[in-house]
């Protein structure tokens, strides 16, 4: 007998409860550790767990800074991107997980999280925001589009950016392939929990034979 499911009308629960359902169900989530720069030249560094790749032509990523629940204001990262149209995504490995977490605090606008966390800013090739030197992979990005979803706490703005320069430590990227055992990425779960990639299995992609003449690509 299958277990009985709980069914919830999401319009009938507060956004905080919806958030818990999302972050507890969509797991594990990659972390976008995003560095930006203010118009006055002050660095900002913050982690986002609503982050992913989009496509490879052009090479594109997205992440979503949420509206702050504490004061209803947009996050510093978004303010900087709106002003400069640039950002860097740094991939979080186990070695910098605690320092990444330090950057998740709600510092006042204008505070340099590089200094607060002890991480090192490194000059980028094209964009003005710095790379995180300790990160094993960095992606320099130019803003493509902003998609606003809601204008109050619980809402956010999807930031879509084109990766214009890609950096990877030599031991992490070999023959164009990322070596997971060297990258040691950290993933986000619900609450204050994180995960390591320690249990991996493979599933070969199935092939389907289409009779000659029935392949829609031949039309």
Protein backbone atom coordinates (compact mmCIF):
# COMPACT_ATOMS: atom_id res chain seq x y z
CA UNK A 1 0.00 0.00 0.00
CA UNK A 2 1.41 3.42 -0.92
CA UNK A 3 1.81 5.95 1.87
CA UNK A 4 -0.83 8.68 2.11
CA UNK A 5 0.37 12.04 0.80
CA UNK A 6 -0.12 15.43 2.42
CA UNK A 7 -1.56 17.88 -0.12
CA UNK A 8 -1.15 21.63 0.41
CA UNK A 9 -2.70 24.59 -1.37
CA UNK A 10 0.36 26.85 -1.51
CA UNK A 11 -1.83 29.96 -1.62
CA UNK A 12 -3.12 29.14 1.85
CA UNK A 13 0.23 29.07 3.68
CA UNK A 14 2.66 31.95 4.39
CA UNK A 15 5.75 32.40 2.25
CA UNK A 16 8.00 31.22 5.10
CA UNK A 17 6.32 27.81 4.99
CA UNK A 18 6.60 27.66 1.20
CA UNK A 19 10.30 28.46 1.53
CA UNK A 20 10.82 25.54 3.92
CA UNK A 21 9.06 23.17 1.51
CA UNK A 22 11.23 24.35 -1.39
CA UNK A 23 14.60 24.13 0.34
CA UNK A 24 13.75 20.79 1.93
CA UNK A 25 12.53 19.24 -1.32
CA UNK A 26 14.89 20.60 -3.98
CA UNK A 27 18.09 19.02 -2.69
CA UNK A 28 20.99 19.05 -2.97
CA UNK A 29 21.36 22.54 -4.47
CA UNK A 30 24.61 23.98 -5.83
CA UNK A 31 25.86 27.16 -4.19
CA UNK A 32 26.57 30.26 -6.23
CA UNK A 33 29.16 32.24 -4.29
CA UNK A 34 28.81 35.61 -6.00
CA UNK A 35 31.29 38.47 -5.87
CA UNK A 36 30.32 41.96 -7.01
CA UNK A 37 31.61 45.51 -6.72
CA UNK A 38 29.73 48.68 -5.81
CA UNK A 39 29.87 51.89 -7.87
CA UNK A 40 32.25 53.20 -5.17
CA UNK A 41 34.59 50.23 -5.63
CA UNK A 42 33.67 48.30 -2.47
CA UNK A 43 33.67 44.51 -2.85
CA UNK A 44 30.73 42.33 -1.86
CA UNK A 45 30.61 38.54 -1.50
CA UNK A 46 27.52 36.42 -0.77
CA UNK A 47 26.31 32.81 -1.22
CA UNK A 48 23.08 31.90 -3.02
CA UNK A 49 21.55 28.42 -3.04
CA UNK A 50 19.00 29.17 -5.76
CA UNK A 51 21.69 28.89 -8.45
CA UNK A 52 22.34 26.82 -11.54
CA UNK A 53 23.64 26.64 -15.09
CA UNK A 54 21.29 27.42 -17.97
CA UNK A 55 22.95 26.58 -21.30
CA UNK A 56 26.30 26.56 -23.08
CA UNK A 57 25.66 28.71 -26.19
CA UNK A 58 26.06 31.29 -24.89
CA UNK A 59 27.51 29.90 -21.67
CA UNK A 60 24.92 31.09 -19.15
CA UNK A 61 24.19 30.85 -15.42
CA UNK A 62 21.45 32.18 -13.18
CA UNK A 63 20.84 32.77 -9.50
CA UNK A 64 18.09 34.44 -7.48
CA UNK A 65 18.75 36.97 -4.70
CA UNK A 66 15.63 37.01 -2.53
CA UNK A 67 14.12 40.14 -1.03
CA UNK A 68 15.35 40.36 2.55
CA UNK A 69 12.78 39.25 5.11
CA UNK A 70 14.27 41.49 7.80
CA UNK A 71 13.56 44.84 6.09
CA UNK A 72 11.99 44.10 2.69
CA UNK A 73 15.00 45.50 0.83
CA UNK A 74 16.88 44.01 -2.12
CA UNK A 75 20.23 42.40 -1.38
CA UNK A 76 23.54 44.19 -1.83
CA UNK A 77 24.57 41.76 -4.58
CA UNK A 78 21.57 42.76 -6.69
CA UNK A 79 22.15 46.48 -6.08
CA UNK A 80 25.71 46.15 -7.34
CA UNK A 81 24.76 44.10 -10.40
CA UNK A 82 22.08 46.61 -11.39
CA UNK A 83 24.72 49.34 -11.21
CA UNK A 84 27.70 47.58 -12.83
CA UNK A 85 26.12 44.80 -14.98
CA UNK A 86 28.88 42.37 -13.89
CA UNK A 87 29.50 39.62 -11.33
CA UNK A 88 31.64 36.55 -10.63
CA UNK A 89 30.36 33.14 -9.58
CA UNK A 90 32.83 31.23 -7.41
CA UNK A 91 32.26 27.52 -6.74
CA UNK A 92 32.32 26.49 -3.08
CA UNK A 93 34.59 23.60 -2.11
CA UNK A 94 34.85 21.98 1.31
CA UNK A 95 38.01 23.92 2.12
CA UNK A 96 36.23 27.29 2.07
CA UNK A 97 32.77 26.23 3.32
CA UNK A 98 33.08 27.92 6.72
CA UNK A 99 34.32 31.18 5.21
CA UNK A 100 31.50 31.07 2.68
CA UNK A 101 29.03 30.69 5.55
CA UNK A 102 30.52 33.77 7.24
CA UNK A 103 29.53 35.77 4.15
CA UNK A 104 25.86 34.78 4.53
CA UNK A 105 25.39 37.20 7.43
CA UNK A 106 23.34 40.33 6.69
CA UNK A 107 26.08 42.94 6.86
CA UNK A 108 25.18 46.60 6.22
CA UNK A 109 25.58 47.81 2.65
CA UNK A 110 29.18 48.80 2.00
CA UNK A 111 30.79 46.13 4.20
CA UNK A 112 33.49 44.11 2.37
CA UNK A 113 32.78 40.41 3.02
CA UNK A 114 36.22 39.48 1.71
CA UNK A 115 37.67 41.22 4.78
CA UNK A 116 35.04 39.77 7.12
CA UNK A 117 35.63 36.18 5.97
CA UNK A 118 39.38 36.29 5.38
CA UNK A 119 39.02 35.29 1.74
CA UNK A 120 41.29 36.86 -0.88
CA UNK A 121 40.09 39.00 -3.80
CA UNK A 122 41.92 38.31 -7.06
CA UNK A 123 41.79 40.53 -10.15
CA UNK A 124 39.54 39.21 -12.92
CA UNK A 125 40.49 39.13 -16.60
CA UNK A 126 37.50 41.04 -18.01
CA UNK A 127 35.02 42.13 -15.34
CA UNK A 128 35.60 44.52 -12.45
CA UNK A 129 34.35 42.32 -9.57
CA UNK A 130 37.14 40.13 -8.16
CA UNK A 131 37.51 36.38 -8.14
CA UNK A 132 37.73 34.49 -4.86
CA UNK A 133 41.34 33.35 -5.04
CA UNK A 134 40.75 30.33 -2.80
CA UNK A 135 37.90 29.03 -4.98
CA UNK A 136 38.93 26.28 -7.40
CA UNK A 137 36.52 27.47 -10.11
CA UNK A 138 35.50 31.04 -10.98
CA UNK A 139 33.17 32.31 -13.71
CA UNK A 140 33.34 35.94 -14.82
CA UNK A 141 29.86 37.02 -15.90
CA UNK A 142 28.18 39.86 -17.78
CA UNK A 143 24.54 40.56 -17.01
CA UNK A 144 22.09 39.37 -19.68
CA UNK A 145 18.74 39.88 -17.99
CA UNK A 146 16.91 40.47 -14.72
CA UNK A 147 13.53 38.83 -14.09
CA UNK A 148 11.63 40.21 -11.11
CA UNK A 149 9.37 37.70 -9.38
CA UNK A 150 7.37 39.38 -6.63
CA UNK A 151 8.16 42.66 -4.89
CA UNK A 152 7.91 41.72 -1.21
CA UNK A 153 9.64 39.27 1.17
CA UNK A 154 9.49 35.80 -0.33
CA UNK A 155 9.97 37.23 -3.81
CA UNK A 156 13.21 37.86 -5.63
CA UNK A 157 14.96 38.74 -8.86
CA UNK A 158 16.42 36.09 -11.15
CA UNK A 159 19.83 37.25 -12.38
CA UNK A 160 20.87 35.75 -15.73
CA UNK A 161 24.46 36.22 -16.79
CA UNK A 162 26.76 35.13 -19.60
CA UNK A 163 30.04 33.51 -18.55
CA UNK A 164 32.68 35.45 -20.48
CA UNK A 165 35.75 34.00 -18.78
CA UNK A 166 36.16 30.67 -16.97
CA UNK A 167 38.92 29.85 -14.48
CA UNK A 168 39.73 26.46 -12.96
CA UNK A 169 42.66 25.18 -10.97
CA UNK A 170 44.80 22.85 -13.10
CA UNK A 171 44.24 19.80 -10.91
CA UNK A 172 40.45 20.34 -11.06
CA UNK A 173 40.11 20.66 -14.83
CA UNK A 174 41.84 18.05 -16.98
CA UNK A 175 41.28 17.70 -20.74
CA UNK A 176 38.26 19.95 -20.49
CA UNK A 177 36.60 17.83 -17.80
CA UNK A 178 36.02 18.82 -14.17
CA UNK A 179 37.45 16.28 -11.71
CA UNK A 180 34.85 16.01 -8.95
CA UNK A 181 37.20 14.34 -6.45
CA UNK A 182 39.51 17.35 -6.71
CA UNK A 183 36.79 20.00 -6.72
CA UNK A 184 35.06 18.65 -3.58
CA UNK A 185 31.97 20.84 -4.05
CA UNK A 186 29.59 21.62 -1.21
CA UNK A 187 25.82 21.51 -1.72
CA UNK A 188 23.03 23.23 0.18
CA UNK A 189 20.23 21.35 1.96
CA UNK A 190 17.44 22.61 4.22
CA UNK A 191 17.97 24.73 7.32
CA UNK A 192 21.65 24.94 8.26
CA UNK A 193 22.59 21.63 6.63
CA UNK A 194 25.09 21.09 3.81
CA UNK A 195 26.24 18.02 1.89
CA UNK A 196 29.42 16.63 0.36
CA UNK A 197 29.53 14.65 -2.88
CA UNK A 198 30.72 11.33 -1.46
CA UNK A 199 28.41 8.67 -2.91
CA UNK A 200 28.28 8.57 -6.71
CA UNK A 201 26.62 6.13 -9.11
CA UNK A 202 26.25 6.13 -12.89
CA UNK A 203 23.30 5.35 -15.16
CA UNK A 204 24.09 4.95 -18.86
CA UNK A 205 21.73 7.00 -21.01
CA UNK A 206 19.26 4.71 -22.83
CA UNK A 207 19.15 4.68 -26.60
CA UNK A 208 15.98 4.44 -28.64
CA UNK A 209 15.97 2.98 -32.14
CA UNK A 210 13.63 4.86 -34.47
CA UNK A 211 12.59 3.07 -37.67
CA UNK A 212 13.87 4.67 -40.86
CA UNK A 213 11.39 7.24 -42.12
CA UNK A 214 9.85 7.90 -38.69
CA UNK A 215 12.60 10.15 -37.35
CA UNK A 216 11.02 13.62 -36.96
CA UNK A 217 14.47 15.17 -37.56
CA UNK A 218 14.35 13.86 -41.13
CA UNK A 219 11.29 15.96 -41.95
